[in-house]
Amino acid sequence: MKFNKQTLSNGLRLVTVPMADNPSVTVLVMVEAGSKYETKETSGISHFLEHMIFKGTPERPTASDISRELDSIGSQYNAFTSQEVTGYYAKADARHIGKVIDVVSDMCQNPLFDEKEIAKEKGVIIEELRMYLDLPQRHVHDVMSRLLYGDQPAGWSIIGTEDTIKSFTRDSFVKYRADHYVSSATTVIVSGSFDEKTIADQIEKAFANIQTGAKKGKPAVRESQKAPAIAVEAKETDQTHLVIAVRTFPVKDPKIPVMSVLSAILGGGMSSRLFSKMRDELGICYYVRASHDAFTDHGDLSISAGVDNSRVEIAVKEILAECARLTTEPVGATELQKAKDYIAGTTMLELETSDARAEFAGFDEAIKGSIDSPEEVIRKVNAVTAEDVLDLAKSIFVNEGLNLALIGRAKKEALEPIVRFA
């Protein structure tokens, strides 16, 4: 994957990802502002602000004006908020690149923050919050975040609480945006088909009014776990949704490629160890997966599954046993190569579209400050050895960093004796 990176005169970073013969273009604006930049009183404001960016500008006064203009060119557009970044994007036929740049830059630089729209959107976001609470397979990850990080930004829900959502005013958004939405903390990614000779001038002109100046930082994540921890949220469900997680390391750690391989061995694909054990052999669940989340100053490996209420204890035991096996038995050459090939294959398949490549480059730049090409990612993965995986497993699969979160009918007292690595 070819890409170019430059810093414009106003401090804005521009990443271009040309794709020969691709019919589409994606413009993505990534801002280093997410839930980890919030206080207890402003929890959820990053996500709420993301909603408000679509609610009108002086040139396009209503949400309908924005959506109608993008719909008129068949554009796909949306936004997302995470712990450390917020992103806004639009994808369209490459012929409409000028329109896409114009609309996205206007939204991001000139939001109205109309009080009436804020009041209406509070109801929308509260319903979004309640929807997530009704999805235990999703909400259990919030339960895990609270268990891992407690009462600090990394442990809070990205969407906030009903109380904080209701408390926000126009001044709240104006202040938060002034503190964080500045050029030095913003990256624009243009991916797909475009004129590489003129794109920098187009972006610099479109973002001429972006705020400059210093950006406010975020507190460092605190971690102090010394023994296995369990969080149970009681709910009368037909299935228990659980997450087992261990503490790992930040996104710039050189062990990231090893973690990718270890995670693929455990839960990557339908031939992974966990899928084979939990679904094919035991018939205990429909879904089971492993994933590693790495941030600027912390990380965790999580294994999630939905299991029969009567088989929670055996599910936990079996998952922990598979993790523990990685600490004592070196991975065989065939399985190791399969995991590497799985990562290489899925990496390239996930980058077939202009929006996927924009996100790939955008997250790297916004969180790491540098971009590894997919080819470089695969090269590092291919260098991982069985000994690397064994050493990493020994360092992360320890009782001092072990956590279990679940939603369902299970009792914490029954789980405490089994939540530990042998």
Protein backbone atom coordinates (compact mmCIF):
# COMPACT_ATOMS: atom_id res chain seq x y z
CA MET A 1 0.00 0.00 0.00
CA LYS A 2 1.45 3.31 -1.09
CA PHE A 3 0.89 6.34 1.12
CA ASN A 4 2.32 9.83 1.61
CA LYS A 5 2.32 11.99 4.72
CA GLN A 6 2.93 15.71 5.12
CA THR A 7 2.22 18.53 7.54
CA LEU A 8 0.50 21.57 6.06
CA SER A 9 1.38 25.17 6.91
CA ASN A 10 -1.37 25.39 9.55
CA GLY A 11 -0.14 22.28 11.39
CA LEU A 12 -2.76 19.93 9.94
CA ARG A 13 -1.42 16.51 8.97
CA LEU A 14 -2.40 15.11 5.58
CA VAL A 15 -2.09 11.45 4.65
CA THR A 16 -2.84 10.44 1.07
CA VAL A 17 -3.40 6.84 0.01
CA PRO A 18 -3.68 6.65 -3.80
CA MET A 19 -5.42 3.57 -5.23
CA ALA A 20 -4.92 3.14 -8.96
CA ASP A 21 -8.12 2.55 -10.94
CA ASN A 22 -10.29 2.69 -7.82
CA PRO A 23 -13.67 4.28 -8.61
CA SER A 24 -14.18 5.84 -5.17
CA VAL A 25 -12.57 8.37 -2.88
CA THR A 26 -12.81 8.64 0.91
CA VAL A 27 -12.10 11.73 2.98
CA LEU A 28 -11.61 10.95 6.67
CA VAL A 29 -10.91 13.51 9.39
CA MET A 30 -9.37 12.01 12.53
CA VAL A 31 -9.22 14.12 15.69
CA GLU A 32 -7.25 13.10 18.76
CA ALA A 33 -10.24 13.51 21.04
CA GLY A 34 -12.09 10.64 22.70
CA SER A 35 -13.39 9.47 26.04
CA LYS A 36 -9.91 9.33 27.62
CA TYR A 37 -9.76 13.14 27.32
CA GLU A 38 -12.91 13.60 29.42
CA THR A 39 -13.56 14.26 33.09
CA LYS A 40 -16.21 12.65 35.27
CA GLU A 41 -18.48 15.62 34.56
CA THR A 42 -17.92 15.56 30.81
CA SER A 43 -18.05 11.77 30.29
CA GLY A 44 -19.65 11.16 26.91
CA ILE A 45 -19.06 14.61 25.45
CA SER A 46 -16.71 13.35 22.71
CA HIS A 47 -19.44 11.05 21.40
CA PHE A 48 -22.18 13.69 21.77
CA LEU A 49 -20.02 16.20 19.90
CA GLU A 50 -19.62 13.67 17.09
CA HIS A 51 -23.43 13.69 16.73
CA MET A 52 -23.60 17.49 16.76
CA ILE A 53 -21.08 17.87 13.93
CA PHE A 54 -23.80 16.55 11.59
CA LYS A 55 -26.46 19.00 12.82
CA GLY A 56 -25.71 22.02 10.68
CA THR A 57 -23.28 24.79 9.77
CA PRO A 58 -23.87 28.42 8.71
CA GLU A 59 -23.65 27.32 5.06
CA ARG A 60 -25.77 24.18 5.62
CA PRO A 61 -28.04 25.16 8.53
CA THR A 62 -29.74 21.83 9.22
CA ALA A 63 -28.88 18.16 9.41
CA SER A 64 -31.11 17.62 6.39
CA ASP A 65 -29.08 20.10 4.38
CA ILE A 66 -25.92 18.09 5.04
CA SER A 67 -27.45 14.69 4.44
CA ARG A 68 -29.35 15.82 1.34
CA GLU A 69 -26.17 17.16 -0.24
CA LEU A 70 -24.23 13.97 0.43
CA ASP A 71 -27.14 11.74 -0.55
CA SER A 72 -27.42 13.58 -3.85
CA ILE A 73 -24.04 12.17 -4.92
CA GLY A 74 -24.70 8.68 -3.49
CA SER A 75 -22.18 9.19 -0.72
CA GLN A 76 -21.69 6.85 2.23
CA TYR A 77 -20.88 8.87 5.35
CA ASN A 78 -20.70 8.41 9.08
CA ALA A 79 -18.58 9.01 12.17
CA PHE A 80 -17.20 7.11 15.15
CA THR A 81 -15.83 7.82 18.61
CA SER A 82 -13.32 5.71 20.51
CA GLN A 83 -11.27 6.20 23.66
CA GLU A 84 -8.62 8.25 21.89
CA VAL A 85 -9.95 9.48 18.55
CA THR A 86 -13.08 10.71 16.80
CA GLY A 87 -13.44 10.26 13.07
CA TYR A 88 -15.70 11.78 10.40
CA TYR A 89 -15.78 10.44 6.86
CA ALA A 90 -17.56 10.50 3.54
CA LYS A 91 -16.99 8.17 0.60
CA ALA A 92 -18.24 8.78 -2.92
CA ASP A 93 -17.58 8.33 -6.61
CA ALA A 94 -14.16 9.87 -7.25
CA ARG A 95 -15.78 12.41 -9.60
CA HIS A 96 -17.30 14.09 -6.53
CA ILE A 97 -14.12 14.58 -4.52
CA GLY A 98 -14.56 18.36 -4.47
CA LYS A 99 -18.03 18.08 -2.98
CA VAL A 100 -16.90 15.54 -0.38
CA ILE A 101 -14.00 17.73 0.76
CA ASP A 102 -16.25 20.79 0.89
CA VAL A 103 -18.97 19.18 3.01
CA VAL A 104 -16.70 17.29 5.42
CA SER A 105 -14.42 20.28 6.02
CA ASP A 106 -17.41 22.57 6.59
CA MET A 107 -18.97 20.18 9.13
CA CYS A 108 -15.76 19.78 11.09
CA GLN A 109 -14.82 23.47 11.17
CA ASN A 110 -18.15 25.25 11.47
CA PRO A 111 -20.69 23.38 13.64
CA LEU A 112 -23.60 25.50 14.81
CA PHE A 113 -24.29 23.72 18.12
CA ASP A 114 -27.88 24.92 18.01
CA GLU A 115 -29.50 24.67 21.46
CA LYS A 116 -32.71 23.17 20.07
CA GLU A 117 -30.75 20.47 18.25
CA ILE A 118 -28.74 19.73 21.38
CA ALA A 119 -31.95 19.25 23.37
CA LYS A 120 -33.38 16.87 20.76
CA GLU A 121 -30.15 14.91 20.44
CA LYS A 122 -30.04 14.25 24.18
CA GLY A 123 -33.08 12.03 23.73
CA VAL A 124 -31.51 10.28 20.75
CA ILE A 125 -28.28 9.49 22.60
CA ILE A 126 -30.07 8.33 25.75
CA GLU A 127 -31.99 5.87 23.59
CA GLU A 128 -28.71 4.78 22.01
CA LEU A 129 -27.33 4.18 25.51
CA ARG A 130 -30.38 2.13 26.48
CA MET A 131 -30.09 0.13 23.26
CA TYR A 132 -26.53 -0.87 24.17
CA LEU A 133 -27.63 -1.86 27.66
CA ASP A 134 -30.13 -4.22 26.01
CA LEU A 135 -27.32 -5.85 24.00
CA PRO A 136 -25.42 -7.91 26.59
CA GLN A 137 -22.89 -9.21 24.07
CA ARG A 138 -21.85 -5.58 23.58
CA HIS A 139 -22.44 -4.17 27.05
CA VAL A 140 -20.29 -6.87 28.68
CA HIS A 141 -17.25 -5.12 27.19
CA ASP A 142 -18.19 -1.97 29.14
CA VAL A 143 -18.42 -4.11 32.27
CA MET A 144 -14.93 -5.38 31.52
CA SER A 145 -13.57 -1.85 31.01
CA ARG A 146 -14.88 -0.84 34.45
CA LEU A 147 -13.31 -3.93 35.97
CA LEU A 148 -9.93 -3.32 34.34
CA TYR A 149 -9.62 0.41 34.85
CA GLY A 150 -12.16 1.46 37.45
CA ASP A 151 -13.13 5.08 38.00
CA GLN A 152 -10.90 6.75 35.42
CA PRO A 153 -11.53 7.66 31.78
CA ALA A 154 -10.30 4.30 30.42
CA GLY A 155 -12.93 2.60 32.59
CA TRP A 156 -15.89 4.76 31.61
CA SER A 157 -18.34 4.07 28.81
CA ILE A 158 -17.61 6.11 25.68
CA ILE A 159 -21.26 7.14 25.45
CA GLY A 160 -21.35 8.55 29.00
CA THR A 161 -24.25 8.32 31.46
CA GLU A 162 -27.82 9.59 31.32
CA ASP A 163 -26.90 12.28 33.84
CA THR A 164 -23.91 13.59 31.89
CA ILE A 165 -25.75 13.42 28.57
CA LYS A 166 -28.57 15.52 30.02
CA SER A 167 -26.13 18.06 31.50
CA PHE A 168 -24.39 19.24 28.32
CA THR A 169 -25.04 22.75 27.01
CA ARG A 170 -23.85 24.67 23.99
CA ASP A 171 -21.02 26.11 26.08
CA SER A 172 -19.91 22.56 26.96
CA PHE A 173 -19.36 21.72 23.29
CA VAL A 174 -17.74 25.04 22.42
CA LYS A 175 -15.22 24.67 25.25
CA TYR A 176 -14.44 21.01 24.60
CA ARG A 177 -13.99 21.62 20.88
CA ALA A 178 -11.68 24.60 21.56
CA ASP A 179 -9.56 22.43 23.86
CA HIS A 180 -9.16 19.49 21.49
CA TYR A 181 -10.22 20.18 17.89
CA VAL A 182 -7.03 21.93 16.81
CA SER A 183 -4.88 21.45 13.72
CA SER A 184 -1.95 19.83 15.53
CA ALA A 185 -4.28 17.07 16.76
CA THR A 186 -6.07 16.55 13.45
CA THR A 187 -5.21 14.31 10.51
CA VAL A 188 -7.02 14.35 7.17
CA ILE A 189 -6.76 11.14 5.17
CA VAL A 190 -7.67 11.04 1.48
CA SER A 191 -7.81 7.53 0.05
CA GLY A 192 -8.80 6.23 -3.37
CA SER A 193 -8.73 8.01 -6.72
CA PHE A 194 -7.64 11.67 -6.71
CA ASP A 195 -5.10 14.03 -8.27
CA GLU A 196 -1.95 13.62 -6.20
CA LYS A 197 -0.49 16.86 -7.56
CA THR A 198 -3.32 19.10 -6.35
CA ILE A 199 -4.77 17.32 -3.31
CA ALA A 200 -2.58 19.11 -0.72
CA ASP A 201 -3.66 22.52 -2.03
CA GLN A 202 -7.31 21.43 -2.00
CA ILE A 203 -7.15 20.25 1.60
CA GLU A 204 -5.17 23.27 2.83
CA LYS A 205 -7.69 25.63 1.24
CA ALA A 206 -10.70 23.69 2.56
CA PHE A 207 -9.33 23.60 6.11
CA ALA A 208 -8.07 27.19 6.17
CA ASN A 209 -10.28 28.03 9.16
CA ILE A 210 -9.29 25.13 11.41
CA GLN A 211 -8.39 26.14 14.96
CA THR A 212 -4.71 26.26 15.82
CA GLY A 213 -2.90 26.37 19.13
CA ALA A 214 -2.04 23.94 21.89
CA LYS A 215 -4.20 20.92 22.62
CA LYS A 216 -5.13 19.75 26.10
CA GLY A 217 -3.80 16.33 27.05
CA LYS A 218 -5.22 13.34 28.88
CA PRO A 219 -4.35 11.66 32.19
CA ALA A 220 -2.17 8.56 32.12
CA VAL A 221 -3.96 5.26 32.73
CA ARG A 222 -3.43 3.84 36.22
CA GLU A 223 -3.10 0.07 36.66
CA SER A 224 -2.65 -1.64 40.03
CA GLN A 225 -4.16 -5.15 39.85
CA LYS A 226 -2.62 -7.76 42.16
CA ALA A 227 -5.08 -10.69 42.01
CA PRO A 228 -7.78 -12.15 39.72
CA ALA A 229 -10.87 -9.94 39.50
CA ILE A 230 -14.49 -10.73 38.65
CA ALA A 231 -17.46 -8.51 37.76
CA VAL A 232 -20.93 -9.98 37.38
CA GLU A 233 -23.92 -7.97 36.15
CA ALA A 234 -27.04 -9.94 36.97
CA LYS A 235 -29.57 -10.17 34.16
CA GLU A 236 -32.27 -12.70 33.31
CA THR A 237 -30.83 -13.69 29.95
CA ASP A 238 -31.19 -16.92 27.96
CA GLN A 239 -27.44 -16.95 27.44
CA THR A 240 -24.48 -15.77 29.50
CA HIS A 241 -22.11 -13.36 27.75
CA LEU A 242 -18.61 -13.31 29.17
CA VAL A 243 -15.25 -11.69 28.57
CA ILE A 244 -11.94 -12.92 29.94
CA ALA A 245 -9.17 -10.34 29.68
CA VAL A 246 -5.53 -9.93 30.65
CA ARG A 247 -3.46 -6.77 30.78
CA THR A 248 -0.94 -6.27 27.99
CA PHE A 249 0.92 -3.25 26.60
CA PRO A 250 0.55 -0.06 24.50
CA VAL A 251 0.36 0.24 20.74
CA LYS A 252 4.02 1.17 20.21
CA ASP A 253 5.36 -1.88 22.05
CA PRO A 254 7.60 -4.02 19.82
CA LYS A 255 5.70 -7.15 20.92
CA ILE A 256 2.57 -6.13 18.98
CA PRO A 257 3.31 -8.54 16.07
CA VAL A 258 3.77 -11.40 18.54
CA MET A 259 0.45 -10.49 20.14
CA SER A 260 -1.23 -10.58 16.74
CA VAL A 261 0.02 -14.12 16.19
CA LEU A 262 -0.93 -15.28 19.69
CA SER A 263 -4.42 -13.80 19.33
CA ALA A 264 -4.88 -15.50 15.94
CA ILE A 265 -3.82 -18.85 17.38
CA LEU A 266 -6.37 -18.52 20.15
CA GLY A 267 -9.34 -17.01 18.36
CA GLY A 268 -8.65 -16.09 14.75
CA GLY A 269 -10.99 -17.93 12.42
CA MET A 270 -13.00 -21.14 12.61
CA SER A 271 -9.94 -23.36 12.95
CA SER A 272 -8.49 -21.46 15.92
CA ARG A 273 -7.94 -23.24 19.21
CA LEU A 274 -10.86 -21.64 21.01
CA PHE A 275 -13.33 -22.15 18.17
CA SER A 276 -12.27 -25.77 17.79
CA LYS A 277 -12.50 -26.44 21.52
CA MET A 278 -15.56 -24.41 22.51
CA ARG A 279 -17.80 -24.84 19.47
CA ASP A 280 -16.66 -27.87 17.50
CA GLU A 281 -15.66 -30.13 20.41
CA LEU A 282 -17.81 -28.99 23.35
CA GLY A 283 -20.75 -27.43 21.50
CA ILE A 284 -20.84 -24.84 24.26
CA CYS A 285 -21.27 -21.61 22.31
CA TYR A 286 -22.12 -20.04 18.97
CA TYR A 287 -19.46 -17.33 19.03
CA VAL A 288 -16.03 -17.15 20.62
CA ARG A 289 -13.28 -14.77 19.61
CA ALA A 290 -10.03 -13.24 20.80
CA SER A 291 -8.90 -9.67 20.13
CA HIS A 292 -6.14 -7.36 21.28
CA ASP A 293 -6.81 -3.68 21.92
CA ALA A 294 -3.74 -1.45 22.17
CA PHE A 295 -3.87 2.24 23.06
CA THR A 296 -1.26 4.94 23.64
CA ASP A 297 -0.52 3.88 27.23
CA HIS A 298 -2.27 0.56 27.91
CA GLY A 299 -3.65 -2.55 26.27
CA ASP A 300 -5.57 -5.76 26.90
CA LEU A 301 -6.21 -9.12 25.27
CA SER A 302 -9.84 -10.17 25.56
CA ILE A 303 -11.66 -13.41 24.83
CA SER A 304 -15.42 -13.15 24.48
CA ALA A 305 -18.11 -15.81 24.19
CA GLY A 306 -21.83 -16.37 24.63
CA VAL A 307 -22.54 -19.66 26.42
CA ASP A 308 -25.42 -21.68 27.85
CA ASN A 309 -26.32 -20.47 31.35
CA SER A 310 -25.77 -23.93 32.79
CA ARG A 311 -22.26 -24.27 31.34
CA VAL A 312 -20.58 -21.03 32.37
CA GLU A 313 -18.09 -22.64 34.74
CA ILE A 314 -16.91 -25.24 32.25
CA ALA A 315 -16.60 -22.51 29.58
CA VAL A 316 -14.40 -20.38 31.82
CA LYS A 317 -12.24 -23.38 32.77
CA GLU A 318 -11.73 -24.41 29.15
CA ILE A 319 -10.83 -20.92 27.95
CA LEU A 320 -8.32 -20.50 30.75
CA ALA A 321 -6.89 -23.93 30.04
CA GLU A 322 -6.29 -23.02 26.39
CA CYS A 323 -4.52 -19.83 27.48
CA ALA A 324 -2.42 -21.73 30.01
CA ARG A 325 -1.42 -24.30 27.38
CA LEU A 326 0.29 -21.55 25.41
CA THR A 327 2.57 -20.94 28.42
CA THR A 328 3.88 -24.51 28.53
CA GLU A 329 3.73 -25.94 24.99
CA PRO A 330 5.51 -24.25 22.08
CA VAL A 331 3.26 -23.76 19.08
CA GLY A 332 4.01 -26.21 16.27
CA ALA A 333 5.45 -25.00 12.98
CA THR A 334 2.31 -25.76 10.98
CA GLU A 335 -0.06 -23.97 13.38
CA LEU A 336 2.32 -21.02 13.67
CA GLN A 337 2.45 -20.61 9.90
CA LYS A 338 -1.32 -20.93 9.64
CA ALA A 339 -1.75 -18.06 12.11
CA LYS A 340 0.67 -15.90 10.13
CA ASP A 341 -1.08 -16.69 6.86
CA TYR A 342 -4.45 -15.93 8.46
CA ILE A 343 -3.21 -12.49 9.55
CA ALA A 344 -1.69 -11.77 6.13
CA GLY A 345 -4.84 -12.84 4.31
CA THR A 346 -7.31 -10.97 6.49
CA THR A 347 -5.13 -7.86 6.52
CA MET A 348 -5.13 -7.58 2.75
CA LEU A 349 -8.81 -8.51 2.36
CA GLU A 350 -9.80 -5.84 4.86
CA LEU A 351 -8.05 -3.19 2.78
CA GLU A 352 -9.88 -3.64 -0.52
CA THR A 353 -11.84 -0.37 -0.28
CA SER A 354 -10.86 3.27 -0.03
CA ASP A 355 -12.59 3.78 3.32
CA ALA A 356 -10.85 0.75 4.86
CA ARG A 357 -7.45 2.05 3.78
CA ALA A 358 -8.27 5.50 5.10
CA GLU A 359 -9.11 4.08 8.53
CA PHE A 360 -6.03 1.86 8.52
CA ALA A 361 -3.73 4.81 7.90
CA GLY A 362 -5.75 7.19 10.07
CA PHE A 363 -5.72 5.12 13.24
CA ASP A 364 -1.99 4.45 12.91
CA GLU A 365 -1.19 8.12 12.44
CA ALA A 366 -3.55 9.42 15.13
CA ILE A 367 -2.60 6.91 17.83
CA LYS A 368 0.99 5.96 16.97
CA GLY A 369 2.15 9.04 15.10
CA SER A 370 3.49 6.80 12.35
CA ILE A 371 2.10 4.44 9.72
CA ASP A 372 3.17 0.89 9.00
CA SER A 373 2.18 -0.31 5.55
CA PRO A 374 0.26 -3.61 5.41
CA GLU A 375 3.37 -5.13 3.86
CA GLU A 376 5.43 -4.02 6.86
CA VAL A 377 2.83 -5.40 9.27
CA ILE A 378 2.98 -8.77 7.51
CA ARG A 379 6.79 -8.73 7.44
CA LYS A 380 6.91 -8.24 11.21
CA VAL A 381 4.33 -10.97 11.76
CA ASN A 382 6.32 -13.40 9.61
CA ALA A 383 9.37 -12.80 11.80
CA VAL A 384 7.57 -14.07 14.93
CA THR A 385 8.90 -17.37 16.32
CA ALA A 386 7.31 -20.07 18.47
CA GLU A 387 9.62 -18.99 21.28
CA ASP A 388 8.33 -15.42 20.99
CA VAL A 389 4.74 -16.66 21.43
CA LEU A 390 5.70 -18.85 24.39
CA ASP A 391 7.53 -16.01 26.14
CA LEU A 392 4.67 -13.59 25.57
CA ALA A 393 2.09 -16.08 26.84
CA LYS A 394 4.13 -16.58 30.03
CA SER A 395 4.24 -12.83 30.63
CA ILE A 396 0.53 -12.03 30.11
CA PHE A 397 -1.31 -15.15 31.28
CA VAL A 398 -0.70 -14.51 34.98
CA ASN A 399 -3.21 -14.42 37.82
CA GLU A 400 -2.17 -10.87 38.76
CA GLY A 401 -3.61 -9.59 35.47
CA LEU A 402 -6.59 -11.93 35.00
CA ASN A 403 -10.14 -10.57 34.75
CA LEU A 404 -13.60 -12.04 34.11
CA ALA A 405 -16.69 -9.96 33.33
CA LEU A 406 -20.07 -11.45 32.54
CA ILE A 407 -23.73 -10.64 32.15
CA GLY A 408 -26.23 -13.34 33.06
CA ARG A 409 -27.39 -15.50 35.94
CA ALA A 410 -24.03 -16.80 37.21
CA LYS A 411 -22.96 -16.18 40.81
CA LYS A 412 -19.64 -14.56 41.57
CA GLU A 413 -19.01 -16.87 44.53
CA ALA A 414 -19.18 -19.95 42.28
CA LEU A 415 -16.68 -18.47 39.84
CA GLU A 416 -14.05 -17.21 42.26
CA PRO A 417 -12.36 -20.63 42.83
CA ILE A 418 -11.88 -21.26 39.08
CA VAL A 419 -10.80 -17.85 37.80
CA ARG A 420 -7.08 -18.45 37.80
CA PHE A 421 -4.46 -19.93 35.56
CA ALA A 422 -3.32 -23.37 36.66
